[in-house]
């Protein structure tokens, strides 16, 4: 395993945690970090796709938070890191923009094309995904030139050493690596912009997805659809989510309960972002009122 890889894994993850890597934009099942030191077997969430075998240099993306299972928000085991991705202007102006904001960060990686990826890694984990999302949205509200779609904890950062096949076809590389930062450092910086602090999108609560009141009373098609989504064998698109949300609303679930529960089965895709998914769920809820 390369020294750069060792440093990056030590920065983002604690001993005993599993990670998700990918040679491209699609997500796979998590692996033990030690598996990188050899041939790596990646398992697709789609049952009809054969396992993929890659080497360390083939790794293009690394999920920023530890994951156990397939790469989705519901599989994240600790909420520790954030991604800030810039692609407006040249690399020098991107770095200068972050420096001017005095944004605390732990790592900076060149994407191999036209952007810098900054990782903010906390020394102490946040308590849950809802607190993480408030902090994430607050960061992006401050860093207005950043990609505003990096709002899920299973998001990935570019992995140094891989040469991309598109764009400028340059090698992804480590620009700078620092230490983890404290929660006090992050929130002291964010509190320079108190007016940009977002309101919580949902109540700060969670459910055991196998023990939710009234779920067992739902029709068979509803439960079968959730099972297919959980196993990654069915893409979750607008019509699917709208139907599921309408049925939950008809069974008197609140909007907050619907979002928290269905989020366990949602996997963000390039052409179906979490914001779009939320609009779909809220539209279904409104329809049934």
Protein backbone atom coordinates (compact mmCIF):
# COMPACT_ATOMS: atom_id res chain seq x y z
CA UNK A 1 0.00 0.00 0.00
CA UNK A 2 1.34 3.42 -0.97
CA UNK A 3 2.35 5.93 1.72
CA UNK A 4 -0.17 8.44 0.33
CA UNK A 5 -2.93 5.84 0.61
CA UNK A 6 -1.96 5.02 4.20
CA UNK A 7 -2.01 8.69 5.20
CA UNK A 8 -5.38 9.28 3.55
CA UNK A 9 -7.00 6.25 5.15
CA UNK A 10 -5.58 7.18 8.57
CA UNK A 11 -6.98 10.68 8.21
CA UNK A 12 -10.53 9.69 7.29
CA UNK A 13 -11.01 6.44 9.21
CA UNK A 14 -10.49 4.83 12.59
CA UNK A 15 -9.18 1.34 13.19
CA UNK A 16 -11.75 -1.35 12.54
CA UNK A 17 -13.94 0.70 10.20
CA UNK A 18 -14.94 -0.42 6.71
CA UNK A 19 -14.63 1.81 3.67
CA UNK A 20 -16.18 2.17 0.22
CA UNK A 21 -14.02 2.67 -2.86
CA UNK A 22 -14.84 2.74 -6.55
CA UNK A 23 -13.01 2.80 -9.90
CA UNK A 24 -15.80 4.98 -11.33
CA UNK A 25 -18.98 6.79 -10.36
CA UNK A 26 -20.90 3.68 -9.26
CA UNK A 27 -20.91 2.50 -5.66
CA UNK A 28 -19.98 -0.95 -4.37
CA UNK A 29 -20.05 -2.91 -1.14
CA UNK A 30 -17.65 -1.83 1.59
CA UNK A 31 -14.29 -3.52 2.13
CA UNK A 32 -11.67 -3.80 4.85
CA UNK A 33 -9.00 -1.10 4.23
CA UNK A 34 -6.33 -3.80 4.39
CA UNK A 35 -7.84 -5.31 1.23
CA UNK A 36 -6.32 -2.44 -0.76
CA UNK A 37 -2.92 -4.05 -0.32
CA UNK A 38 -3.53 -6.59 -3.10
CA UNK A 39 -6.30 -7.52 -5.53
CA UNK A 40 -9.53 -5.82 -4.49
CA UNK A 41 -12.90 -7.51 -5.02
CA UNK A 42 -15.82 -5.10 -5.41
CA UNK A 43 -19.40 -6.33 -5.10
CA UNK A 44 -22.11 -4.45 -7.00
CA UNK A 45 -25.53 -3.81 -5.40
CA UNK A 46 -27.07 -5.20 -8.60
CA UNK A 47 -27.51 -8.95 -8.37
CA UNK A 48 -26.91 -9.54 -12.09
CA UNK A 49 -23.49 -7.81 -12.08
CA UNK A 50 -20.40 -9.96 -11.56
CA UNK A 51 -17.81 -8.94 -8.91
CA UNK A 52 -15.16 -6.53 -10.19
CA UNK A 53 -11.46 -6.98 -9.42
CA UNK A 54 -9.19 -3.91 -9.32
CA UNK A 55 -5.81 -2.75 -8.03
CA UNK A 56 -4.88 0.21 -5.83
CA UNK A 57 -4.11 2.42 -8.84
CA UNK A 58 -7.61 1.76 -10.20
CA UNK A 59 -9.28 3.45 -7.23
CA UNK A 60 -10.86 6.68 -8.40
CA UNK A 61 -13.16 7.55 -5.49
CA UNK A 62 -13.21 7.06 -1.73
CA UNK A 63 -16.37 7.58 0.37
CA UNK A 64 -15.58 10.24 2.95
CA UNK A 65 -17.25 8.49 5.89
CA UNK A 66 -16.97 4.88 7.09
CA UNK A 67 -19.58 2.55 5.60
CA UNK A 68 -20.60 -1.02 6.36
CA UNK A 69 -22.53 -2.46 3.44
CA UNK A 70 -23.33 -0.88 0.10
CA UNK A 71 -22.46 2.78 -0.44
CA UNK A 72 -25.59 4.56 0.68
CA UNK A 73 -26.36 7.03 3.45
CA UNK A 74 -28.18 4.42 5.55
CA UNK A 75 -24.95 2.35 5.68
CA UNK A 76 -22.74 5.13 7.08
CA UNK A 77 -21.46 4.13 10.53
CA UNK A 78 -19.93 7.45 11.67
CA UNK A 79 -20.59 11.06 10.66
CA UNK A 80 -17.16 12.64 10.66
CA UNK A 81 -16.28 14.16 7.29
CA UNK A 82 -17.52 16.66 4.70
CA UNK A 83 -16.62 17.26 1.06
CA UNK A 84 -16.21 20.70 -0.50
CA UNK A 85 -15.70 20.48 -4.27
CA UNK A 86 -14.77 23.47 -6.42
CA UNK A 87 -14.62 23.65 -10.21
CA UNK A 88 -15.16 27.35 -10.94
CA UNK A 89 -12.02 29.13 -12.16
CA UNK A 90 -8.50 27.75 -12.34
CA UNK A 91 -6.89 25.71 -9.58
CA UNK A 92 -5.00 28.68 -8.13
CA UNK A 93 -8.16 30.78 -7.81
CA UNK A 94 -10.02 27.85 -6.22
CA UNK A 95 -7.34 27.47 -3.56
CA UNK A 96 -7.23 31.23 -3.02
CA UNK A 97 -11.01 31.31 -2.57
CA UNK A 98 -10.84 28.72 0.23
CA UNK A 99 -7.90 30.51 1.86
CA UNK A 100 -9.74 33.83 1.74
CA UNK A 101 -12.71 32.25 3.52
CA UNK A 102 -10.28 30.77 6.08
CA UNK A 103 -12.14 27.49 5.82
CA UNK A 104 -10.54 24.85 8.06
CA UNK A 105 -9.82 21.66 6.14
CA UNK A 106 -7.87 18.45 6.55
CA UNK A 107 -7.02 17.49 2.98
CA UNK A 108 -6.94 18.89 -0.54
CA UNK A 109 -6.91 16.61 -3.60
CA UNK A 110 -6.59 17.52 -7.29
CA UNK A 111 -9.38 15.78 -9.22
CA UNK A 112 -7.24 15.07 -12.30
CA UNK A 113 -9.39 17.39 -14.38
CA UNK A 114 -10.41 20.91 -13.35
CA UNK A 115 -11.25 20.92 -9.66
CA UNK A 116 -9.93 20.74 -6.14
CA UNK A 117 -11.63 18.55 -3.55
CA UNK A 118 -11.34 19.64 0.09
CA UNK A 119 -12.11 17.23 2.92
CA UNK A 120 -13.08 18.43 6.38
CA UNK A 121 -12.46 15.58 8.85
CA UNK A 122 -13.53 16.01 12.47
CA UNK A 123 -11.56 14.65 15.41
CA UNK A 124 -14.85 13.75 17.15
CA UNK A 125 -17.85 12.30 15.30
CA UNK A 126 -21.16 14.13 15.13
CA UNK A 127 -24.00 12.38 16.93
CA UNK A 128 -26.20 11.53 13.93
CA UNK A 129 -26.97 12.22 10.29
CA UNK A 130 -29.36 15.09 11.07
CA UNK A 131 -26.67 17.09 12.87
CA UNK A 132 -24.27 16.21 10.04
CA UNK A 133 -26.70 17.57 7.44
CA UNK A 134 -27.15 20.85 9.29
CA UNK A 135 -23.37 21.31 9.42
CA UNK A 136 -22.97 20.25 5.79
CA UNK A 137 -25.63 22.66 4.52
CA UNK A 138 -24.14 25.44 6.65
CA UNK A 139 -20.69 24.82 5.12
CA UNK A 140 -22.11 24.92 1.58
CA UNK A 141 -24.12 28.06 2.36
CA UNK A 142 -20.83 29.76 3.28
CA UNK A 143 -18.76 28.29 0.43
CA UNK A 144 -21.16 29.46 -2.27
CA UNK A 145 -18.86 28.54 -5.17
CA UNK A 146 -18.72 24.90 -4.07
CA UNK A 147 -20.73 22.16 -5.73
CA UNK A 148 -24.02 22.36 -3.85
CA UNK A 149 -24.87 18.69 -4.45
CA UNK A 150 -22.34 17.23 -1.99
CA UNK A 151 -24.99 16.92 0.70
CA UNK A 152 -24.91 13.24 1.59
CA UNK A 153 -22.48 11.54 4.00
CA UNK A 154 -21.71 8.68 1.59
CA UNK A 155 -20.28 11.18 -0.94
CA UNK A 156 -16.83 10.37 -2.35
CA UNK A 157 -13.59 12.32 -2.71
CA UNK A 158 -11.09 11.77 -5.52
CA UNK A 159 -8.39 9.23 -4.69
CA UNK A 160 -4.73 10.16 -5.40
CA UNK A 161 -2.83 8.07 -7.93
CA UNK A 162 -5.62 7.28 -10.39
CA UNK A 163 -5.47 8.64 -13.94
CA UNK A 164 -8.89 9.66 -15.23
CA UNK A 165 -9.99 8.62 -18.69
CA UNK A 166 -12.00 11.77 -19.36
CA UNK A 167 -11.32 15.49 -19.21
CA UNK A 168 -7.63 16.42 -19.13
CA UNK A 169 -6.66 12.79 -18.40
CA UNK A 170 -4.27 13.89 -15.68
CA UNK A 171 -3.43 11.88 -12.59
CA UNK A 172 -5.42 12.60 -9.44
CA UNK A 173 -2.99 13.81 -6.81
CA UNK A 174 -2.67 14.85 -3.20
CA UNK A 175 -2.15 18.61 -2.90
CA UNK A 176 -2.03 18.91 0.88
CA UNK A 177 -2.84 16.83 3.94
CA UNK A 178 -3.27 18.20 7.44
CA UNK A 179 -4.71 16.92 10.72
CA UNK A 180 -8.31 16.38 11.69
CA UNK A 181 -10.02 19.48 13.06
CA UNK A 182 -12.09 19.81 16.21
CA UNK A 183 -15.81 20.48 16.27
CA UNK A 184 -15.03 23.76 18.04
CA UNK A 185 -12.80 24.83 15.15
CA UNK A 186 -15.46 24.03 12.57
CA UNK A 187 -18.39 25.63 14.37
CA UNK A 188 -16.37 28.67 15.46
CA UNK A 189 -15.64 29.26 11.77
CA UNK A 190 -19.26 28.67 10.75
CA UNK A 191 -20.53 31.04 13.44
CA UNK A 192 -18.98 33.91 11.49
CA UNK A 193 -22.11 33.49 9.33
CA UNK A 194 -24.96 32.82 11.81
CA UNK A 195 -27.52 34.02 9.28
CA UNK A 196 -26.54 31.16 6.95
CA UNK A 197 -27.24 28.41 9.48
CA UNK A 198 -29.98 26.17 8.03
CA UNK A 199 -33.03 24.94 9.86
CA UNK A 200 -33.28 21.19 10.42
CA UNK A 201 -35.06 19.50 7.52
CA UNK A 202 -36.46 16.74 9.70
CA UNK A 203 -36.79 15.88 13.37
CA UNK A 204 -33.62 14.55 14.91
CA UNK A 205 -34.82 10.97 15.37
CA UNK A 206 -34.33 7.64 13.68
CA UNK A 207 -36.11 4.33 13.30
CA UNK A 208 -35.16 0.69 13.27
CA UNK A 209 -36.16 -0.10 9.69
CA UNK A 210 -37.27 -3.56 10.79
CA UNK A 211 -39.51 -2.27 13.58
CA UNK A 212 -41.57 0.69 12.37
CA UNK A 213 -45.20 0.88 13.50
CA UNK A 214 -47.71 -0.05 10.77
CA UNK A 215 -45.09 -0.93 8.13
CA UNK A 216 -46.06 -4.56 8.42
CA UNK A 217 -49.65 -3.59 7.57
CA UNK A 218 -48.63 -2.13 4.21
CA UNK A 219 -49.58 -3.99 1.00
CA UNK A 220 -47.31 -6.66 -0.42
CA UNK A 221 -46.23 -4.52 -3.40
CA UNK A 222 -45.02 -1.84 -0.97
CA UNK A 223 -42.91 -4.27 1.08
CA UNK A 224 -41.60 -6.00 -2.06
CA UNK A 225 -40.54 -2.65 -3.53
CA UNK A 226 -38.65 -1.73 -0.36
CA UNK A 227 -36.94 -5.12 -0.41
CA UNK A 228 -35.78 -4.61 -4.00
CA UNK A 229 -34.53 -1.12 -3.20
CA UNK A 230 -32.66 -2.40 -0.15
CA UNK A 231 -30.92 -5.05 -2.24
CA UNK A 232 -30.10 -2.60 -5.03
CA UNK A 233 -31.98 -4.63 -7.63
CA UNK A 234 -34.45 -1.87 -8.53
CA UNK A 235 -33.59 1.75 -9.29
CA UNK A 236 -35.53 4.19 -7.15
CA UNK A 237 -36.95 6.80 -9.49
CA UNK A 238 -39.68 9.45 -9.12
CA UNK A 239 -42.64 7.16 -9.80
CA UNK A 240 -41.37 4.54 -7.36
CA UNK A 241 -40.79 6.97 -4.51
CA UNK A 242 -44.00 8.89 -5.20
CA UNK A 243 -46.04 5.68 -4.95
CA UNK A 244 -44.31 4.60 -1.75
CA UNK A 245 -44.76 8.02 -0.14
CA UNK A 246 -48.42 8.25 -1.14
CA UNK A 247 -49.11 4.89 0.47
CA UNK A 248 -47.33 5.89 3.70
CA UNK A 249 -49.22 9.19 3.81
CA UNK A 250 -52.48 7.27 3.34
CA UNK A 251 -51.53 5.24 6.43
CA UNK A 252 -51.13 8.45 8.46
CA UNK A 253 -47.34 8.65 8.59
CA UNK A 254 -46.09 12.20 9.11
CA UNK A 255 -43.84 13.78 6.51
CA UNK A 256 -40.90 13.59 8.94
CA UNK A 257 -41.48 9.88 9.55
CA UNK A 258 -41.69 9.22 5.80
CA UNK A 259 -38.43 11.02 5.06
CA UNK A 260 -36.50 9.37 7.90
CA UNK A 261 -37.80 5.88 7.08
CA UNK A 262 -37.51 5.96 3.28
CA UNK A 263 -34.05 7.52 3.50
CA UNK A 264 -32.81 4.08 4.62
CA UNK A 265 -33.51 2.81 1.11
CA UNK A 266 -32.48 5.82 -0.99
CA UNK A 267 -29.26 5.83 -3.02
CA UNK A 268 -28.36 9.12 -4.70
CA UNK A 269 -27.44 8.95 -8.40
CA UNK A 270 -25.95 11.46 -10.82
CA UNK A 271 -29.34 12.14 -12.42
CA UNK A 272 -31.47 11.72 -9.27
CA UNK A 273 -30.16 13.81 -6.39
CA UNK A 274 -31.38 13.85 -2.80
CA UNK A 275 -32.99 17.28 -3.24
CA UNK A 276 -35.08 15.93 -6.11
CA UNK A 277 -35.96 12.87 -4.01
CA UNK A 278 -37.14 15.09 -1.13
CA UNK A 279 -39.32 17.13 -3.48
CA UNK A 280 -40.88 13.88 -4.69
CA UNK A 281 -41.64 12.69 -1.13
CA UNK A 282 -43.06 16.07 -0.12
CA UNK A 283 -45.23 16.25 -3.26
CA UNK A 284 -46.70 12.84 -2.51
CA UNK A 285 -47.43 13.85 1.08
CA UNK A 286 -49.12 17.06 -0.07
CA UNK A 287 -51.20 15.13 -2.63
CA UNK A 288 -52.60 12.89 0.09
CA UNK A 289 -53.57 15.66 2.50
